[in-house]
Amino acid sequence: MASVLDDNKERMEKSLQSLDREFKRLRTGRASGALLDGIRVDYYGTSTPLDQLASISIPDSRTISIQPWDRGAFKDVEKAILKSDLGLNPVNDGKTLRIIIPPLTEERRKELVKIAKKFTEEAKVGIRNIRRDANDALKKQEKAKEITEDELRKTQDDVQKLTDDYIAKTDAVFAVKEKEIMEI
């Protein structure tokens, strides 16, 4: 029973970390290196993460500076950024690529909140699926007479409390992200 609870807690924590990674990739009007995490560059025929081809720095709150280590990769990096669904336009000055993060419009902010809400709901569904898996595993243990009916009920209550805690944590993470997105 303890192993089921520990496994659940670990899986729910991973679900929360996944939500956090998704939120980091959401554009909030502020420059962040995490914004470029999902970008892969076709570098000599190999799909390579951008951060393995260039140094990424944040000189100010609205600018991302990308300096590819290989001069031949400039065009490929620029093309990969343009192809991404981030809507960013890099400016190539020959030495570095600069991305100016434009301020968000009210309409775009509301759209980003909807996307964040969708990510939150997906995380909640994942957490509930983990709860269902745990309850199924506990019922199998009870059926196989490995645990008693009382132990089953108590452990199911513990699983529900854990689920409620992680649902509350996802809501809290969403509230912080929503505030950050709506901040002017």
C-alpha atoms as a PDB file:
ATOM      1  CA  MET A   1       0.000   0.000   0.000  1.00  0.00           C
ATOM      2  CA  ALA A   2       2.808   2.386   0.839  1.00  0.00           C
ATOM      3  CA  SER A   3       4.459   1.665  -2.495  1.00  0.00           C
ATOM      4  CA  VAL A   4       1.207   2.539  -4.305  1.00  0.00           C
ATOM      5  CA  LEU A   5       1.041   5.874  -2.461  1.00  0.00           C
ATOM      6  CA  ASP A   6       4.727   6.642  -3.086  1.00  0.00           C
ATOM      7  CA  ASP A   7       4.365   5.760  -6.760  1.00  0.00           C
ATOM      8  CA  ASN A   8       1.297   7.994  -7.010  1.00  0.00           C
ATOM      9  CA  LYS A   9       3.003  10.910  -5.341  1.00  0.00           C
ATOM     10  CA  GLU A  10       5.985  10.587  -7.677  1.00  0.00           C
ATOM     11  CA  ARG A  11       3.766  10.400 -10.794  1.00  0.00           C
ATOM     12  CA  MET A  12       1.638  13.348  -9.665  1.00  0.00           C
ATOM     13  CA  GLU A  13       4.774  15.389  -9.004  1.00  0.00           C
ATOM     14  CA  LYS A  14       5.959  14.624 -12.554  1.00  0.00           C
ATOM     15  CA  SER A  15       2.586  15.774 -13.868  1.00  0.00           C
ATOM     16  CA  LEU A  16       3.012  19.063 -11.993  1.00  0.00           C
ATOM     17  CA  GLN A  17       6.575  19.458 -13.341  1.00  0.00           C
ATOM     18  CA  SER A  18       5.296  18.855 -16.859  1.00  0.00           C
ATOM     19  CA  LEU A  19       2.721  21.617 -16.386  1.00  0.00           C
ATOM     20  CA  ASP A  20       5.472  23.921 -15.167  1.00  0.00           C
ATOM     21  CA  ARG A  21       7.558  23.184 -18.290  1.00  0.00           C
ATOM     22  CA  GLU A  22       4.560  23.932 -20.516  1.00  0.00           C
ATOM     23  CA  PHE A  23       4.012  27.232 -18.715  1.00  0.00           C
ATOM     24  CA  LYS A  24       7.647  28.249 -19.174  1.00  0.00           C
ATOM     25  CA  ARG A  25       7.213  27.965 -22.927  1.00  0.00           C
ATOM     26  CA  LEU A  26       4.185  30.274 -22.898  1.00  0.00           C
ATOM     27  CA  ARG A  27       5.106  33.760 -24.010  1.00  0.00           C
ATOM     28  CA  THR A  28       4.276  36.363 -21.383  1.00  0.00           C
ATOM     29  CA  GLY A  29       5.735  39.533 -22.873  1.00  0.00           C
ATOM     30  CA  ARG A  30       8.961  39.043 -20.911  1.00  0.00           C
ATOM     31  CA  ALA A  31      12.143  37.616 -22.385  1.00  0.00           C
ATOM     32  CA  SER A  32      13.078  34.158 -21.133  1.00  0.00           C
ATOM     33  CA  GLY A  33      15.509  31.537 -22.371  1.00  0.00           C
ATOM     34  CA  ALA A  34      12.894  28.869 -21.589  1.00  0.00           C
ATOM     35  CA  LEU A  35      10.796  30.346 -24.382  1.00  0.00           C
ATOM     36  CA  LEU A  36      13.180  28.746 -26.900  1.00  0.00           C
ATOM     37  CA  ASP A  37      13.411  25.329 -25.163  1.00  0.00           C
ATOM     38  CA  GLY A  38      11.246  23.466 -27.661  1.00  0.00           C
ATOM     39  CA  ILE A  39      13.029  24.772 -30.765  1.00  0.00           C
ATOM     40  CA  ARG A  40      15.049  22.236 -32.716  1.00  0.00           C
ATOM     41  CA  VAL A  41      17.381  23.246 -35.553  1.00  0.00           C
ATOM     42  CA  ASP A  42      18.116  21.144 -38.625  1.00  0.00           C
ATOM     43  CA  TYR A  43      21.902  21.228 -38.279  1.00  0.00           C
ATOM     44  CA  TYR A  44      23.756  19.261 -40.969  1.00  0.00           C
ATOM     45  CA  GLY A  45      20.786  16.922 -41.326  1.00  0.00           C
ATOM     46  CA  THR A  46      20.346  16.323 -37.595  1.00  0.00           C
ATOM     47  CA  SER A  47      17.538  17.788 -35.500  1.00  0.00           C
ATOM     48  CA  THR A  48      19.439  19.509 -32.673  1.00  0.00           C
ATOM     49  CA  PRO A  49      18.112  21.533 -29.699  1.00  0.00           C
ATOM     50  CA  LEU A  50      18.849  25.241 -30.113  1.00  0.00           C
ATOM     51  CA  ASP A  51      20.651  25.505 -26.768  1.00  0.00           C
ATOM     52  CA  GLN A  52      23.237  22.963 -28.011  1.00  0.00           C
ATOM     53  CA  LEU A  53      24.112  25.141 -31.019  1.00  0.00           C
ATOM     54  CA  ALA A  54      24.255  28.592 -29.506  1.00  0.00           C
ATOM     55  CA  SER A  55      24.563  30.610 -26.353  1.00  0.00           C
ATOM     56  CA  ILE A  56      21.290  32.219 -25.339  1.00  0.00           C
ATOM     57  CA  SER A  57      21.303  35.313 -23.162  1.00  0.00           C
ATOM     58  CA  ILE A  58      18.762  37.840 -21.932  1.00  0.00           C
ATOM     59  CA  PRO A  59      20.357  41.330 -22.125  1.00  0.00           C
ATOM     60  CA  ASP A  60      17.136  43.042 -20.968  1.00  0.00           C
ATOM     61  CA  SER A  61      13.522  42.190 -20.143  1.00  0.00           C
ATOM     62  CA  ARG A  62      12.342  42.412 -23.768  1.00  0.00           C
ATOM     63  CA  THR A  63      15.316  40.973 -25.696  1.00  0.00           C
ATOM     64  CA  ILE A  64      16.716  37.493 -26.253  1.00  0.00           C
ATOM     65  CA  SER A  65      20.194  37.302 -27.763  1.00  0.00           C
ATOM     66  CA  ILE A  66      21.287  34.140 -29.570  1.00  0.00           C
ATOM     67  CA  GLN A  67      24.883  33.644 -30.635  1.00  0.00           C
ATOM     68  CA  PRO A  68      25.448  30.440 -32.642  1.00  0.00           C
ATOM     69  CA  TRP A  69      28.886  28.924 -32.132  1.00  0.00           C
ATOM     70  CA  ASP A  70      29.102  27.915 -35.797  1.00  0.00           C
ATOM     71  CA  ARG A  71      28.721  30.837 -38.230  1.00  0.00           C
ATOM     72  CA  GLY A  72      27.260  28.412 -40.771  1.00  0.00           C
ATOM     73  CA  ALA A  73      24.333  27.715 -38.482  1.00  0.00           C
ATOM     74  CA  PHE A  74      22.968  31.292 -38.501  1.00  0.00           C
ATOM     75  CA  LYS A  75      20.484  30.699 -41.311  1.00  0.00           C
ATOM     76  CA  ASP A  76      19.352  27.340 -39.873  1.00  0.00           C
ATOM     77  CA  VAL A  77      18.787  28.837 -36.405  1.00  0.00           C
ATOM     78  CA  GLU A  78      16.925  31.798 -37.861  1.00  0.00           C
ATOM     79  CA  LYS A  79      14.760  29.488 -39.988  1.00  0.00           C
ATOM     80  CA  ALA A  80      13.943  27.259 -36.990  1.00  0.00           C
ATOM     81  CA  ILE A  81      12.845  30.258 -34.906  1.00  0.00           C
ATOM     82  CA  LEU A  82      10.662  31.569 -37.731  1.00  0.00           C
ATOM     83  CA  LYS A  83       9.091  28.110 -38.221  1.00  0.00           C
ATOM     84  CA  SER A  84       8.254  27.759 -34.518  1.00  0.00           C
ATOM     85  CA  ASP A  85       4.724  28.615 -33.447  1.00  0.00           C
ATOM     86  CA  LEU A  86       6.002  31.320 -31.097  1.00  0.00           C
ATOM     87  CA  GLY A  87       5.473  34.150 -33.594  1.00  0.00           C
ATOM     88  CA  LEU A  88       8.958  35.581 -33.051  1.00  0.00           C
ATOM     89  CA  ASN A  89      11.031  37.383 -35.686  1.00  0.00           C
ATOM     90  CA  PRO A  90      14.796  37.238 -35.133  1.00  0.00           C
ATOM     91  CA  VAL A  91      16.975  40.095 -36.377  1.00  0.00           C
ATOM     92  CA  ASN A  92      20.346  38.983 -37.759  1.00  0.00           C
ATOM     93  CA  ASP A  93      23.153  41.524 -37.337  1.00  0.00           C
ATOM     94  CA  GLY A  94      25.888  39.171 -38.565  1.00  0.00           C
ATOM     95  CA  LYS A  95      27.231  38.345 -35.097  1.00  0.00           C
ATOM     96  CA  THR A  96      24.103  37.561 -33.123  1.00  0.00           C
ATOM     97  CA  LEU A  97      20.411  36.974 -33.591  1.00  0.00           C
ATOM     98  CA  ARG A  98      18.246  39.271 -31.524  1.00  0.00           C
ATOM     99  CA  ILE A  99      14.625  38.622 -30.743  1.00  0.00           C
ATOM    100  CA  ILE A 100      12.608  41.565 -29.476  1.00  0.00           C
ATOM    101  CA  ILE A 101       9.599  40.378 -27.484  1.00  0.00           C
ATOM    102  CA  PRO A 102       6.707  42.694 -28.384  1.00  0.00           C
ATOM    103  CA  PRO A 103       4.281  43.736 -25.673  1.00  0.00           C
ATOM    104  CA  LEU A 104       1.170  41.565 -25.595  1.00  0.00           C
ATOM    105  CA  THR A 105      -2.212  42.916 -26.614  1.00  0.00           C
ATOM    106  CA  GLU A 106      -5.207  42.385 -24.319  1.00  0.00           C
ATOM    107  CA  GLU A 107      -6.673  39.913 -26.816  1.00  0.00           C
ATOM    108  CA  ARG A 108      -3.434  37.898 -26.954  1.00  0.00           C
ATOM    109  CA  ARG A 109      -3.231  37.880 -23.146  1.00  0.00           C
ATOM    110  CA  LYS A 110      -6.719  36.381 -22.897  1.00  0.00           C
ATOM    111  CA  GLU A 111      -5.797  33.805 -25.538  1.00  0.00           C
ATOM    112  CA  LEU A 112      -2.671  32.839 -23.559  1.00  0.00           C
ATOM    113  CA  VAL A 113      -4.756  32.463 -20.388  1.00  0.00           C
ATOM    114  CA  LYS A 114      -7.041  30.066 -22.290  1.00  0.00           C
ATOM    115  CA  ILE A 115      -4.011  28.049 -23.428  1.00  0.00           C
ATOM    116  CA  ALA A 116      -2.681  27.984 -19.858  1.00  0.00           C
ATOM    117  CA  LYS A 117      -6.108  26.844 -18.630  1.00  0.00           C
ATOM    118  CA  LYS A 118      -6.040  24.021 -21.216  1.00  0.00           C
ATOM    119  CA  PHE A 119      -2.598  22.901 -19.994  1.00  0.00           C
ATOM    120  CA  THR A 120      -3.912  22.985 -16.407  1.00  0.00           C
ATOM    121  CA  GLU A 121      -6.942  20.871 -17.292  1.00  0.00           C
ATOM    122  CA  GLU A 122      -4.699  18.328 -19.048  1.00  0.00           C
ATOM    123  CA  ALA A 123      -2.540  18.114 -15.919  1.00  0.00           C
ATOM    124  CA  LYS A 124      -5.643  17.592 -13.762  1.00  0.00           C
ATOM    125  CA  VAL A 125      -6.854  14.819 -16.065  1.00  0.00           C
ATOM    126  CA  GLY A 126      -3.420  13.195 -15.769  1.00  0.00           C
ATOM    127  CA  ILE A 127      -3.583  13.393 -11.977  1.00  0.00           C
ATOM    128  CA  ARG A 128      -7.069  11.878 -11.944  1.00  0.00           C
ATOM    129  CA  ASN A 129      -5.875   9.063 -14.217  1.00  0.00           C
ATOM    130  CA  ILE A 130      -3.076   8.356 -11.749  1.00  0.00           C
ATOM    131  CA  ARG A 131      -5.703   8.181  -8.975  1.00  0.00           C
ATOM    132  CA  ARG A 132      -7.778   5.737 -11.035  1.00  0.00           C
ATOM    133  CA  ASP A 133      -4.724   3.542 -11.668  1.00  0.00           C
ATOM    134  CA  ALA A 134      -3.928   3.501  -7.944  1.00  0.00           C
ATOM    135  CA  ASN A 135      -7.487   2.592  -6.992  1.00  0.00           C
ATOM    136  CA  ASP A 136      -7.497  -0.210  -9.578  1.00  0.00           C
ATOM    137  CA  ALA A 137      -4.208  -1.555  -8.200  1.00  0.00           C
ATOM    138  CA  LEU A 138      -5.593  -1.434  -4.647  1.00  0.00           C
ATOM    139  CA  LYS A 139      -8.782  -3.260  -5.679  1.00  0.00           C
ATOM    140  CA  LYS A 140      -6.675  -5.979  -7.301  1.00  0.00           C
ATOM    141  CA  GLN A 141      -4.672  -6.330  -4.085  1.00  0.00           C
ATOM    142  CA  GLU A 142      -7.900  -6.603  -2.089  1.00  0.00           C
ATOM    143  CA  LYS A 143      -9.303  -9.164  -4.501  1.00  0.00           C
ATOM    144  CA  ALA A 144      -6.109 -11.201  -4.201  1.00  0.00           C
ATOM    145  CA  LYS A 145      -6.531 -11.007  -0.397  1.00  0.00           C
ATOM    146  CA  GLU A 146      -3.239  -9.107  -0.011  1.00  0.00           C
ATOM    147  CA  ILE A 147      -5.011  -6.311   1.893  1.00  0.00           C
ATOM    148  CA  THR A 148      -8.242  -6.112   3.889  1.00  0.00           C
ATOM    149  CA  GLU A 149     -11.337  -4.148   2.945  1.00  0.00           C
ATOM    150  CA  ASP A 150     -10.612  -1.622   5.728  1.00  0.00           C
ATOM    151  CA  GLU A 151      -7.048  -1.126   4.462  1.00  0.00           C
ATOM    152  CA  LEU A 152      -8.452  -0.665   0.951  1.00  0.00           C
ATOM    153  CA  ARG A 153     -10.844   2.082   2.098  1.00  0.00           C
ATOM    154  CA  LYS A 154      -8.199   3.854   4.190  1.00  0.00           C
ATOM    155  CA  THR A 155      -5.656   3.778   1.374  1.00  0.00           C
ATOM    156  CA  GLN A 156      -8.256   4.953  -1.154  1.00  0.00           C
ATOM    157  CA  ASP A 157      -8.963   7.895   1.165  1.00  0.00           C
ATOM    158  CA  ASP A 158      -5.222   8.643   1.296  1.00  0.00           C
ATOM    159  CA  VAL A 159      -5.031   8.489  -2.507  1.00  0.00           C
ATOM    160  CA  GLN A 160      -7.992  10.892  -2.734  1.00  0.00           C
ATOM    161  CA  LYS A 161      -6.325  13.332  -0.305  1.00  0.00           C
ATOM    162  CA  LEU A 162      -3.130  13.180  -2.357  1.00  0.00           C
ATOM    163  CA  THR A 163      -5.145  13.788  -5.531  1.00  0.00           C
ATOM    164  CA  ASP A 164      -6.927  16.768  -3.959  1.00  0.00           C
ATOM    165  CA  ASP A 165      -3.567  18.223  -2.859  1.00  0.00           C
ATOM    166  CA  TYR A 166      -2.094  17.986  -6.357  1.00  0.00           C
ATOM    167  CA  ILE A 167      -5.245  19.381  -7.995  1.00  0.00           C
ATOM    168  CA  ALA A 168      -4.978  22.352  -5.596  1.00  0.00           C
ATOM    169  CA  LYS A 169      -1.276  22.741  -6.497  1.00  0.00           C
ATOM    170  CA  THR A 170      -2.095  22.829 -10.236  1.00  0.00           C
ATOM    171  CA  ASP A 171      -4.747  25.478  -9.561  1.00  0.00           C
ATOM    172  CA  ALA A 172      -2.207  27.523  -7.593  1.00  0.00           C
ATOM    173  CA  VAL A 173       0.385  27.253 -10.367  1.00  0.00           C
ATOM    174  CA  PHE A 174      -2.272  28.324 -12.894  1.00  0.00           C
ATOM    175  CA  ALA A 175      -3.285  31.321 -10.762  1.00  0.00           C
ATOM    176  CA  VAL A 176       0.335  32.515 -10.641  1.00  0.00           C
ATOM    177  CA  LYS A 177       0.730  32.073 -14.410  1.00  0.00           C
ATOM    178  CA  GLU A 178      -2.576  33.820 -15.122  1.00  0.00           C
ATOM    179  CA  LYS A 179      -1.491  36.790 -13.002  1.00  0.00           C
ATOM    180  CA  GLU A 180       1.872  36.878 -14.807  1.00  0.00           C
ATOM    181  CA  ILE A 181       0.191  36.793 -18.239  1.00  0.00           C
ATOM    182  CA  MET A 182      -2.368  39.487 -17.418  1.00  0.00           C
ATOM    183  CA  GLU A 183       0.265  41.752 -15.846  1.00  0.00           C
ATOM    184  CA  ILE A 184       0.971  44.786 -18.024  1.00  0.00           C
END
